Structure formats: C-alpha cells, structure tokens
Amino acid sequence: MKTASIIILTFTIISCAKKDRINHYLNIPVTQKELVKNGFYKYSYNDTVKNMNNLKDSVQPTIKYVIKYDMYSNVKPEINEEGKVYPTQFCNFYKKDSINKKKKNFQYLKKTLHNRIITYLFRKDTLFYKNIIVYSVAKKRKEIADLTSNEKIIKFYDSLNVSIKPISDGITSNKKFTTLFIIDDYKTKIYYSHKNKSYDIFINYIHGDWYSRDVFYVWYSGSIGDIHYYY
C-alpha cells in the first residue's frame, strides 16, 4: 500500500466555449492537447508518496516521491472556503449557505452540463483513467449515449463497429445484470440504472485488472484532502 498526501493543486484556465467534438464513449486514448482543444478545464496536483512495500523505504521512511497528476474535466472551477480552486462542488455540503450553493451548483450540472460529468486523469503525462457519469439521459442531446441497460450498451457499441464482450464474474456482473465489459480491448466498468436513466462508466488505461475508484467523491467534493492509492 502507498499513502499519498496532496501538496499542491493548480488550475489552468481553458475556455469551455469551444465545441467538444470528442466521442468520449470510445475507449481510444486521447491526449491532453486534444482535451485542451475541445475546451476541457485542467486541474493539476502533486502527490507526495511513500512506498511502504519497498524494504528500503521501510528502513528509511523519510524517502518520498512526488508524482504529477493532471485532471481534465468538463466541470468549471470554483473557489472553496479556503480560497483554493477546485472543480465545482457537487457533494459534501456542510456550511449554512450550502442549500443555496447546492441548488446553484446542481442547476449548473443540469442546465449546462446536461447531467453529465466527464473526467480524465493523467499520471506523469500518461492517461490513467476516464470516467463518465450521467445522472439522467437527455434524449435531445445526441452526444449523450443511452447506456441504461445491458442490451442498449451492446447495441450502441455494435452500431459504432466497436468490439464489445460482456464479462461475468458471478458477483457484480452476471448474465442478467452485466457491468463488466471488454470494449475495444480495454476493461470497462459500466454501472447503470434503467429506472433512473443513469450510468457510470470507468475505463482504466494503466492497470490490467478491474481497478476503479469513486471519482465523484474524490474530485467534486470541494476539496481533495488525503487520498489513499492502492497499486
């Protein structure tokens, strides 16, 4: 296990008035330049990491490593109570004015983002993972796919001539409710609700397993705080 503590977070202003022409449902890796060109906001931070699995580090616990992360999101920035810049907050509201702030922020999510949050994370300039959260499928938005059932997921990727293979692990993914797929050779998790017309996609570009994290509560909580990474 490695533990990591945030030491710095910076934000680069990128105009989201640009037309986003990326098909985010394809698992083809995109570059940071492509995301900038398509109007994504960039957030950067450094991690101070101590490798407890390494014997040398265990003997000399003062040895630490700094890892650079760059996160790109379709979510605009805001300044939190500490005066720091973070992506717009969508959870962990505690202050007295949180009711108004929460209402304002979720109006932004609904009206501007059309209930879709897109997140790309680069680790040391290499694409680490991609996450797409859709809280309610907007039928009028052609760029937002309806992936709210196993059948619709397979039909969507078949229509794009993209290879897709359902995977059953007998636990979270089975024939009746499939959440694990091999899409274009990448292991992909898709949690969906036909009733709520919502879904959450996670694609990991580095690890070969079904590794995933709760992106929403890490990045959109108004602060990052301490993050524990498991490699």
C-alpha atoms as a PDB file:
ATOM      1  CA  MET A   1       0.000   0.000   0.000  1.00  0.00           C
ATOM      2  CA  LYS A   2       1.115   3.546  -0.710  1.00  0.00           C
ATOM      3  CA  THR A   3      -0.243   6.566   1.038  1.00  0.00           C
ATOM      4  CA  ALA A   4      -0.333   9.944  -0.642  1.00  0.00           C
ATOM      5  CA  SER A   5      -0.924  13.482   0.555  1.00  0.00           C
ATOM      6  CA  ILE A   6      -1.780  16.428  -1.640  1.00  0.00           C
ATOM      7  CA  ILE A   7       0.838  19.172  -1.584  1.00  0.00           C
ATOM      8  CA  ILE A   8      -0.323  21.499  -4.353  1.00  0.00           C
ATOM      9  CA  LEU A   9      -3.271  21.987  -6.685  1.00  0.00           C
ATOM     10  CA  THR A  10      -3.290  24.405  -9.597  1.00  0.00           C
ATOM     11  CA  PHE A  11      -5.871  25.305 -12.209  1.00  0.00           C
ATOM     12  CA  THR A  12      -5.274  26.299 -15.803  1.00  0.00           C
ATOM     13  CA  ILE A  13      -7.949  28.426 -17.468  1.00  0.00           C
ATOM     14  CA  ILE A  14      -9.170  26.778 -20.658  1.00  0.00           C
ATOM     15  CA  SER A  15     -12.223  28.111 -22.450  1.00  0.00           C
ATOM     16  CA  CYS A  16     -15.098  25.657 -22.470  1.00  0.00           C
ATOM     17  CA  ALA A  17     -16.849  27.754 -25.093  1.00  0.00           C
ATOM     18  CA  LYS A  18     -15.055  25.563 -27.627  1.00  0.00           C
ATOM     19  CA  LYS A  19     -17.092  22.834 -29.300  1.00  0.00           C
ATOM     20  CA  ASP A  20     -16.347  19.451 -27.779  1.00  0.00           C
ATOM     21  CA  ARG A  21     -16.029  17.046 -30.712  1.00  0.00           C
ATOM     22  CA  ILE A  22     -14.569  14.061 -28.838  1.00  0.00           C
ATOM     23  CA  ASN A  23     -16.665  10.893 -28.701  1.00  0.00           C
ATOM     24  CA  HIS A  24     -15.979  10.131 -25.055  1.00  0.00           C
ATOM     25  CA  TYR A  25     -17.641   6.715 -25.273  1.00  0.00           C
ATOM     26  CA  LEU A  26     -14.863   5.341 -27.432  1.00  0.00           C
ATOM     27  CA  ASN A  27     -12.019   3.872 -25.409  1.00  0.00           C
ATOM     28  CA  ILE A  28      -9.381   5.213 -27.762  1.00  0.00           C
ATOM     29  CA  PRO A  29      -6.886   7.162 -25.591  1.00  0.00           C
ATOM     30  CA  VAL A  30      -6.989  10.927 -26.078  1.00  0.00           C
ATOM     31  CA  THR A  31      -4.146  13.351 -25.449  1.00  0.00           C
ATOM     32  CA  GLN A  32      -4.005  16.337 -23.146  1.00  0.00           C
ATOM     33  CA  LYS A  33      -3.723  18.589 -26.207  1.00  0.00           C
ATOM     34  CA  GLU A  34      -6.943  17.156 -27.628  1.00  0.00           C
ATOM     35  CA  LEU A  35      -8.777  17.812 -24.372  1.00  0.00           C
ATOM     36  CA  VAL A  36      -7.475  21.384 -24.242  1.00  0.00           C
ATOM     37  CA  LYS A  37      -8.528  21.922 -27.854  1.00  0.00           C
ATOM     38  CA  ASN A  38     -12.006  20.666 -27.019  1.00  0.00           C
ATOM     39  CA  GLY A  39     -12.477  23.069 -24.118  1.00  0.00           C
ATOM     40  CA  PHE A  40     -11.793  20.959 -21.034  1.00  0.00           C
ATOM     41  CA  TYR A  41     -10.734  22.548 -17.752  1.00  0.00           C
ATOM     42  CA  LYS A  42      -7.356  21.437 -16.447  1.00  0.00           C
ATOM     43  CA  TYR A  43      -6.557  20.816 -12.768  1.00  0.00           C
ATOM     44  CA  SER A  44      -3.055  19.767 -11.709  1.00  0.00           C
ATOM     45  CA  TYR A  45      -1.694  18.496  -8.418  1.00  0.00           C
ATOM     46  CA  ASN A  46       1.344  16.744  -6.992  1.00  0.00           C
ATOM     47  CA  ASP A  47       1.296  13.755  -4.663  1.00  0.00           C
ATOM     48  CA  THR A  48       3.912  13.061  -2.021  1.00  0.00           C
ATOM     49  CA  VAL A  49       4.081   9.264  -1.952  1.00  0.00           C
ATOM     50  CA  LYS A  50       5.862   6.887   0.426  1.00  0.00           C
ATOM     51  CA  ASN A  51       6.215   3.324  -0.803  1.00  0.00           C
ATOM     52  CA  MET A  52       5.648   1.095   2.248  1.00  0.00           C
ATOM     53  CA  ASN A  53       6.049  -2.058   0.150  1.00  0.00           C
ATOM     54  CA  ASN A  54       9.660  -1.271  -0.601  1.00  0.00           C
ATOM     55  CA  LEU A  55      12.109  -2.542   2.046  1.00  0.00           C
ATOM     56  CA  LYS A  56      14.498   0.361   1.519  1.00  0.00           C
ATOM     57  CA  ASP A  57      11.671   2.849   2.077  1.00  0.00           C
ATOM     58  CA  SER A  58      10.546   0.984   5.186  1.00  0.00           C
ATOM     59  CA  VAL A  59      14.041   1.299   6.649  1.00  0.00           C
ATOM     60  CA  GLN A  60      14.288   4.930   5.581  1.00  0.00           C
ATOM     61  CA  PRO A  61      10.723   6.277   5.937  1.00  0.00           C
ATOM     62  CA  THR A  62      11.852   9.803   5.073  1.00  0.00           C
ATOM     63  CA  ILE A  63      12.261   8.824   1.414  1.00  0.00           C
ATOM     64  CA  LYS A  64       9.333  10.190  -0.569  1.00  0.00           C
ATOM     65  CA  TYR A  65       8.386  10.548  -4.207  1.00  0.00           C
ATOM     66  CA  VAL A  66       6.482  13.329  -5.952  1.00  0.00           C
ATOM     67  CA  ILE A  67       4.048  12.217  -8.645  1.00  0.00           C
ATOM     68  CA  LYS A  68       2.399  14.686 -11.008  1.00  0.00           C
ATOM     69  CA  TYR A  69      -1.291  14.344 -11.859  1.00  0.00           C
ATOM     70  CA  ASP A  70      -3.303  16.353 -14.390  1.00  0.00           C
ATOM     71  CA  MET A  71      -7.064  16.084 -14.338  1.00  0.00           C
ATOM     72  CA  TYR A  72      -9.228  17.333 -17.218  1.00  0.00           C
ATOM     73  CA  SER A  73     -12.929  17.869 -16.683  1.00  0.00           C
ATOM     74  CA  ASN A  74     -15.933  19.417 -18.387  1.00  0.00           C
ATOM     75  CA  VAL A  75     -16.764  20.904 -14.960  1.00  0.00           C
ATOM     76  CA  LYS A  76     -15.800  24.547 -14.426  1.00  0.00           C
ATOM     77  CA  PRO A  77     -13.777  25.675 -11.378  1.00  0.00           C
ATOM     78  CA  GLU A  78     -14.896  27.493  -8.257  1.00  0.00           C
ATOM     79  CA  ILE A  79     -13.125  28.805  -5.152  1.00  0.00           C
ATOM     80  CA  ASN A  80     -13.782  26.897  -1.927  1.00  0.00           C
ATOM     81  CA  GLU A  81     -13.965  28.271   1.640  1.00  0.00           C
ATOM     82  CA  GLU A  82     -10.182  28.119   1.949  1.00  0.00           C
ATOM     83  CA  GLY A  83      -9.695  30.243  -1.155  1.00  0.00           C
ATOM     84  CA  LYS A  84      -8.447  27.295  -3.213  1.00  0.00           C
ATOM     85  CA  VAL A  85      -9.558  26.458  -6.728  1.00  0.00           C
ATOM     86  CA  TYR A  86     -11.332  23.144  -7.285  1.00  0.00           C
ATOM     87  CA  PRO A  87     -13.889  21.735  -9.726  1.00  0.00           C
ATOM     88  CA  THR A  88     -17.446  22.839  -8.947  1.00  0.00           C
ATOM     89  CA  GLN A  89     -18.642  21.115  -5.777  1.00  0.00           C
ATOM     90  CA  PHE A  90     -21.449  18.547  -6.069  1.00  0.00           C
ATOM     91  CA  CYS A  91     -21.197  16.733  -2.715  1.00  0.00           C
ATOM     92  CA  ASN A  92     -20.114  17.182   0.936  1.00  0.00           C
ATOM     93  CA  PHE A  93     -22.023  20.417   1.590  1.00  0.00           C
ATOM     94  CA  TYR A  94     -21.707  21.428   5.253  1.00  0.00           C
ATOM     95  CA  LYS A  95     -21.921  25.231   5.620  1.00  0.00           C
ATOM     96  CA  LYS A  96     -25.083  27.230   6.399  1.00  0.00           C
ATOM     97  CA  ASP A  97     -25.190  28.576   2.850  1.00  0.00           C
ATOM     98  CA  SER A  98     -24.830  25.066   1.428  1.00  0.00           C
ATOM     99  CA  ILE A  99     -28.529  24.869   0.498  1.00  0.00           C
ATOM    100  CA  ASN A 100     -28.260  27.794  -1.920  1.00  0.00           C
ATOM    101  CA  LYS A 101     -24.847  26.714  -3.139  1.00  0.00           C
ATOM    102  CA  LYS A 102     -26.001  23.162  -3.688  1.00  0.00           C
ATOM    103  CA  LYS A 103     -29.052  24.363  -5.606  1.00  0.00           C
ATOM    104  CA  LYS A 104     -26.936  26.679  -7.771  1.00  0.00           C
ATOM    105  CA  ASN A 105     -24.309  24.032  -8.491  1.00  0.00           C
ATOM    106  CA  PHE A 106     -26.828  21.347  -9.394  1.00  0.00           C
ATOM    107  CA  GLN A 107     -28.603  23.800 -11.681  1.00  0.00           C
ATOM    108  CA  TYR A 108     -25.249  24.190 -13.448  1.00  0.00           C
ATOM    109  CA  LEU A 109     -24.973  20.391 -13.658  1.00  0.00           C
ATOM    110  CA  LYS A 110     -28.457  20.115 -15.128  1.00  0.00           C
ATOM    111  CA  LYS A 111     -28.662  23.159 -17.405  1.00  0.00           C
ATOM    112  CA  THR A 112     -25.078  23.498 -18.644  1.00  0.00           C
ATOM    113  CA  LEU A 113     -23.594  20.012 -18.349  1.00  0.00           C
ATOM    114  CA  HIS A 114     -26.881  18.236 -19.140  1.00  0.00           C
ATOM    115  CA  ASN A 115     -26.360  15.950 -16.132  1.00  0.00           C
ATOM    116  CA  ARG A 116     -23.066  14.556 -17.423  1.00  0.00           C
ATOM    117  CA  ILE A 117     -19.640  14.779 -15.749  1.00  0.00           C
ATOM    118  CA  ILE A 118     -16.568  13.745 -17.767  1.00  0.00           C
ATOM    119  CA  THR A 119     -13.213  13.218 -16.067  1.00  0.00           C
ATOM    120  CA  TYR A 120      -9.815  12.256 -17.480  1.00  0.00           C
ATOM    121  CA  LEU A 121      -6.806  11.752 -15.223  1.00  0.00           C
ATOM    122  CA  PHE A 122      -3.187  11.697 -16.414  1.00  0.00           C
ATOM    123  CA  ARG A 123      -0.433  10.353 -14.178  1.00  0.00           C
ATOM    124  CA  LYS A 124       3.055  11.538 -15.112  1.00  0.00           C
ATOM    125  CA  ASP A 125       1.657  12.648 -18.510  1.00  0.00           C
ATOM    126  CA  THR A 126       0.193   9.193 -19.222  1.00  0.00           C
ATOM    127  CA  LEU A 127      -3.575   8.676 -19.416  1.00  0.00           C
ATOM    128  CA  PHE A 128      -4.538   6.857 -16.214  1.00  0.00           C
ATOM    129  CA  TYR A 129      -8.337   6.597 -16.324  1.00  0.00           C
ATOM    130  CA  LYS A 130     -11.518   8.047 -17.769  1.00  0.00           C
ATOM    131  CA  ASN A 131     -14.859   8.368 -16.013  1.00  0.00           C
ATOM    132  CA  ILE A 132     -18.245   9.385 -17.415  1.00  0.00           C
ATOM    133  CA  ILE A 133     -21.164   9.907 -15.043  1.00  0.00           C
ATOM    134  CA  VAL A 134     -24.647  10.538 -16.462  1.00  0.00           C
ATOM    135  CA  TYR A 135     -27.337  11.270 -13.874  1.00  0.00           C
ATOM    136  CA  SER A 136     -30.186  11.406 -16.341  1.00  0.00           C
ATOM    137  CA  VAL A 137     -30.014  10.702 -20.067  1.00  0.00           C
ATOM    138  CA  ALA A 138     -31.004  13.772 -22.061  1.00  0.00           C
ATOM    139  CA  LYS A 139     -32.854  12.439 -25.110  1.00  0.00           C
ATOM    140  CA  LYS A 140     -32.327  15.657 -27.064  1.00  0.00           C
ATOM    141  CA  ARG A 141     -28.542  15.537 -26.572  1.00  0.00           C
ATOM    142  CA  LYS A 142     -27.228  13.254 -29.314  1.00  0.00           C
ATOM    143  CA  GLU A 143     -23.722  13.292 -27.835  1.00  0.00           C
ATOM    144  CA  ILE A 144     -25.008  11.630 -24.653  1.00  0.00           C
ATOM    145  CA  ALA A 145     -25.471   7.906 -25.241  1.00  0.00           C
ATOM    146  CA  ASP A 146     -28.260   5.938 -23.584  1.00  0.00           C
ATOM    147  CA  LEU A 147     -26.364   3.143 -21.827  1.00  0.00           C
ATOM    148  CA  THR A 148     -29.011   2.307 -19.247  1.00  0.00           C
ATOM    149  CA  SER A 149     -29.293  -1.423 -19.922  1.00  0.00           C
ATOM    150  CA  ASN A 150     -27.128  -4.322 -20.996  1.00  0.00           C
ATOM    151  CA  GLU A 151     -28.948  -4.519 -24.327  1.00  0.00           C
ATOM    152  CA  LYS A 152     -28.554  -0.791 -25.037  1.00  0.00           C
ATOM    153  CA  ILE A 153     -24.826  -0.899 -24.218  1.00  0.00           C
ATOM    154  CA  ILE A 154     -24.163  -3.733 -26.657  1.00  0.00           C
ATOM    155  CA  LYS A 155     -26.395  -2.189 -29.331  1.00  0.00           C
ATOM    156  CA  PHE A 156     -24.621   1.178 -29.014  1.00  0.00           C
ATOM    157  CA  TYR A 157     -21.112  -0.210 -29.499  1.00  0.00           C
ATOM    158  CA  ASP A 158     -22.235  -2.575 -32.245  1.00  0.00           C
ATOM    159  CA  SER A 159     -23.600   0.458 -34.111  1.00  0.00           C
ATOM    160  CA  LEU A 160     -20.118   2.009 -33.942  1.00  0.00           C
ATOM    161  CA  ASN A 161     -18.470  -1.234 -35.121  1.00  0.00           C
ATOM    162  CA  VAL A 162     -16.550  -1.325 -31.834  1.00  0.00           C
ATOM    163  CA  SER A 163     -15.785  -4.742 -30.381  1.00  0.00           C
ATOM    164  CA  ILE A 164     -17.563  -5.409 -27.084  1.00  0.00           C
ATOM    165  CA  LYS A 165     -17.550  -8.536 -24.936  1.00  0.00           C
ATOM    166  CA  PRO A 166     -19.665  -8.887 -21.765  1.00  0.00           C
ATOM    167  CA  ILE A 167     -17.788 -10.399 -18.815  1.00  0.00           C
ATOM    168  CA  SER A 168     -19.370 -12.270 -15.905  1.00  0.00           C
ATOM    169  CA  ASP A 169     -17.576 -12.523 -12.566  1.00  0.00           C
ATOM    170  CA  GLY A 170     -20.516 -14.104 -10.776  1.00  0.00           C
ATOM    171  CA  ILE A 171     -20.603 -11.290  -8.222  1.00  0.00           C
ATOM    172  CA  THR A 172     -21.186  -7.749  -9.533  1.00  0.00           C
ATOM    173  CA  SER A 173     -21.538  -8.776 -13.171  1.00  0.00           C
ATOM    174  CA  ASN A 174     -23.734 -11.583 -14.451  1.00  0.00           C
ATOM    175  CA  LYS A 175     -25.877 -12.506 -17.442  1.00  0.00           C
ATOM    176  CA  LYS A 176     -28.909 -10.644 -16.115  1.00  0.00           C
ATOM    177  CA  PHE A 177     -27.045  -7.526 -14.966  1.00  0.00           C
ATOM    178  CA  THR A 178     -23.730  -7.169 -16.785  1.00  0.00           C
ATOM    179  CA  THR A 179     -21.415  -4.401 -15.545  1.00  0.00           C
ATOM    180  CA  LEU A 180     -18.039  -5.614 -16.835  1.00  0.00           C
ATOM    181  CA  PHE A 181     -17.082  -5.444 -20.490  1.00  0.00           C
ATOM    182  CA  ILE A 182     -14.081  -5.667 -22.765  1.00  0.00           C
ATOM    183  CA  ILE A 183     -14.638  -2.711 -25.089  1.00  0.00           C
ATOM    184  CA  ASP A 184     -12.090  -2.194 -27.839  1.00  0.00           C
ATOM    185  CA  ASP A 185      -9.601  -4.297 -25.807  1.00  0.00           C
ATOM    186  CA  TYR A 186      -9.980  -2.186 -22.639  1.00  0.00           C
ATOM    187  CA  LYS A 187     -11.553  -3.486 -19.439  1.00  0.00           C
ATOM    188  CA  THR A 188     -14.540  -1.254 -18.744  1.00  0.00           C
ATOM    189  CA  LYS A 189     -16.990  -0.983 -15.849  1.00  0.00           C
ATOM    190  CA  ILE A 190     -20.480   0.344 -16.531  1.00  0.00           C
ATOM    191  CA  TYR A 191     -22.954   0.647 -13.660  1.00  0.00           C
ATOM    192  CA  TYR A 192     -26.391   1.596 -14.943  1.00  0.00           C
ATOM    193  CA  SER A 193     -29.979   2.084 -13.840  1.00  0.00           C
ATOM    194  CA  HIS A 194     -32.729   1.754 -16.423  1.00  0.00           C
ATOM    195  CA  LYS A 195     -35.235   3.092 -13.895  1.00  0.00           C
ATOM    196  CA  ASN A 196     -33.267   6.296 -13.186  1.00  0.00           C
ATOM    197  CA  LYS A 197     -31.884   6.613 -16.745  1.00  0.00           C
ATOM    198  CA  SER A 198     -28.380   6.943 -15.309  1.00  0.00           C
ATOM    199  CA  TYR A 199     -24.985   5.270 -15.628  1.00  0.00           C
ATOM    200  CA  ASP A 200     -21.350   5.482 -14.550  1.00  0.00           C
ATOM    201  CA  ILE A 201     -18.504   4.361 -16.855  1.00  0.00           C
ATOM    202  CA  PHE A 202     -14.929   3.746 -15.696  1.00  0.00           C
ATOM    203  CA  ILE A 203     -12.054   2.842 -18.035  1.00  0.00           C
ATOM    204  CA  ASN A 204      -8.585   2.221 -16.620  1.00  0.00           C
ATOM    205  CA  TYR A 205      -5.786   2.641 -19.159  1.00  0.00           C
ATOM    206  CA  ILE A 206      -2.856   1.580 -16.963  1.00  0.00           C
ATOM    207  CA  HIS A 207      -3.875  -1.347 -14.794  1.00  0.00           C
ATOM    208  CA  GLY A 208      -4.763  -4.688 -16.280  1.00  0.00           C
ATOM    209  CA  ASP A 209      -7.364  -5.535 -13.639  1.00  0.00           C
ATOM    210  CA  TRP A 210     -10.823  -4.144 -12.864  1.00  0.00           C
ATOM    211  CA  TYR A 211      -9.347  -1.357 -10.727  1.00  0.00           C
ATOM    212  CA  SER A 212     -11.658   1.655 -10.216  1.00  0.00           C
ATOM    213  CA  ARG A 213     -12.292   4.498  -7.791  1.00  0.00           C
ATOM    214  CA  ASP A 214     -15.166   6.735  -6.773  1.00  0.00           C
ATOM    215  CA  VAL A 215     -14.205   9.678  -8.959  1.00  0.00           C
ATOM    216  CA  PHE A 216     -17.207  11.785  -7.968  1.00  0.00           C
ATOM    217  CA  TYR A 217     -16.424  11.944  -4.233  1.00  0.00           C
ATOM    218  CA  VAL A 218     -12.697  12.409  -4.822  1.00  0.00           C
ATOM    219  CA  TRP A 219     -12.776  15.305  -7.269  1.00  0.00           C
ATOM    220  CA  TYR A 220     -16.127  17.055  -6.832  1.00  0.00           C
ATOM    221  CA  SER A 221     -16.367  17.437  -3.057  1.00  0.00           C
ATOM    222  CA  GLY A 222     -14.957  20.969  -2.755  1.00  0.00           C
ATOM    223  CA  SER A 223     -11.529  19.726  -1.630  1.00  0.00           C
ATOM    224  CA  ILE A 224      -9.357  16.722  -2.292  1.00  0.00           C
ATOM    225  CA  GLY A 225      -7.888  16.084   1.155  1.00  0.00           C
ATOM    226  CA  ASP A 226      -5.854  12.944   1.795  1.00  0.00           C
ATOM    227  CA  ILE A 227      -6.136  10.237  -0.848  1.00  0.00           C
ATOM    228  CA  HIS A 228      -5.038   6.638  -0.392  1.00  0.00           C
ATOM    229  CA  TYR A 229      -3.807   4.864  -3.505  1.00  0.00           C
ATOM    230  CA  TYR A 230      -3.515   1.119  -3.932  1.00  0.00           C
ATOM    231  CA  TYR A 231      -1.166  -0.124  -6.646  1.00  0.00           C
END
